Amino acid sequence: MNPLVDLNPNTPLQTVPFHLIQNEHYLSAFDKGIEWAEKDINTIILNTQVPNFENTIEALENSGELLD
C-alpha cells in the first residue's frame, strides 16, 4: 500500500505515516491524484443540475484534494 494515498491511515489523528514513505511512492501518488482529480472534474461536467456557485466553483475548488 502506498502511504501517500491511504485515505484511512491507522495513525494518531489520521496523519500520514511519514516513516513508511519511500521515493517510489511519489510517482504513483501523483498518478492516482490526477486520476481522482479527473473523476472529480468529470462529475462536475456531467452534473445535470443548473450550474451555480456551489456545484461548479466550490466543487472545482474541492477537486483534486490529494494533489494539494
Protein backbone atom coordinates (compact mmCIF):
# COMPACT_ATOMS: atom_id res chain seq x y z
CA MET A 1 0.00 0.00 0.00
CA ASN A 2 1.16 3.50 -0.80
CA PRO A 3 1.05 5.58 2.40
CA LEU A 4 0.63 8.78 0.39
CA VAL A 5 -2.76 7.68 -0.98
CA ASP A 6 -4.06 5.76 2.03
CA LEU A 7 -7.15 7.75 2.99
CA ASN A 8 -7.58 5.99 6.34
CA PRO A 9 -4.16 5.54 7.90
CA ASN A 10 -4.11 3.77 11.23
CA THR A 11 -2.12 6.54 12.91
CA PRO A 12 -2.82 9.07 15.66
CA LEU A 13 -5.12 11.81 14.32
CA GLN A 14 -5.18 10.08 10.91
CA THR A 15 -1.86 11.65 9.92
CA VAL A 16 0.30 10.43 7.06
CA PRO A 17 2.68 7.71 8.28
CA PHE A 18 5.80 9.58 7.16
CA HIS A 19 8.13 6.83 8.36
CA LEU A 20 6.69 4.48 5.70
CA ILE A 21 7.09 6.80 2.69
CA GLN A 22 9.66 5.73 0.12
CA ASN A 23 10.82 7.56 -3.03
CA GLU A 24 8.94 5.17 -5.30
CA HIS A 25 5.62 6.14 -3.66
CA TYR A 26 5.62 9.67 -5.09
CA LEU A 27 5.09 8.94 -8.79
CA SER A 28 2.22 6.53 -8.19
CA ALA A 29 0.65 9.02 -5.74
CA PHE A 30 0.76 11.78 -8.38
CA ASP A 31 -0.78 9.43 -10.94
CA LYS A 32 -3.55 8.45 -8.51
CA GLY A 33 -4.13 12.10 -7.57
CA ILE A 34 -4.51 13.09 -11.22
CA GLU A 35 -6.87 10.16 -11.79
CA TRP A 36 -9.05 11.20 -8.81
CA ALA A 37 -8.99 14.87 -9.90
CA GLU A 38 -10.16 13.89 -13.40
CA LYS A 39 -13.05 11.95 -11.85
CA ASP A 40 -13.97 14.96 -9.71
CA ILE A 41 -13.96 17.26 -12.75
CA ASN A 42 -15.98 14.79 -14.84
CA THR A 43 -18.57 14.71 -12.05
CA ILE A 44 -18.86 18.50 -12.34
CA ILE A 45 -19.10 18.34 -16.13
CA LEU A 46 -21.76 15.61 -16.11
CA ASN A 47 -23.88 17.28 -13.42
CA THR A 48 -27.36 17.83 -14.84
CA GLN A 49 -28.37 20.44 -12.28
CA VAL A 50 -28.47 24.11 -13.20
CA PRO A 51 -24.91 25.40 -12.70
CA ASN A 52 -24.45 27.53 -9.61
CA PHE A 53 -21.61 28.59 -7.35
CA GLU A 54 -21.85 25.52 -5.14
CA ASN A 55 -21.99 22.81 -7.81
CA THR A 56 -19.36 24.38 -10.07
CA ILE A 57 -16.96 26.76 -8.36
CA GLU A 58 -16.94 25.11 -4.94
CA ALA A 59 -16.87 21.64 -6.47
CA LEU A 60 -13.93 22.62 -8.66
CA GLU A 61 -12.13 24.18 -5.68
CA ASN A 62 -12.54 20.93 -3.71
CA SER A 63 -11.50 18.66 -6.59
CA GLY A 64 -8.11 17.01 -6.59
CA GLU A 65 -7.59 17.18 -2.84
CA LEU A 66 -4.90 14.51 -2.93
CA LEU A 67 -2.75 16.77 -5.11
CA ASP A 68 -2.91 19.53 -2.51
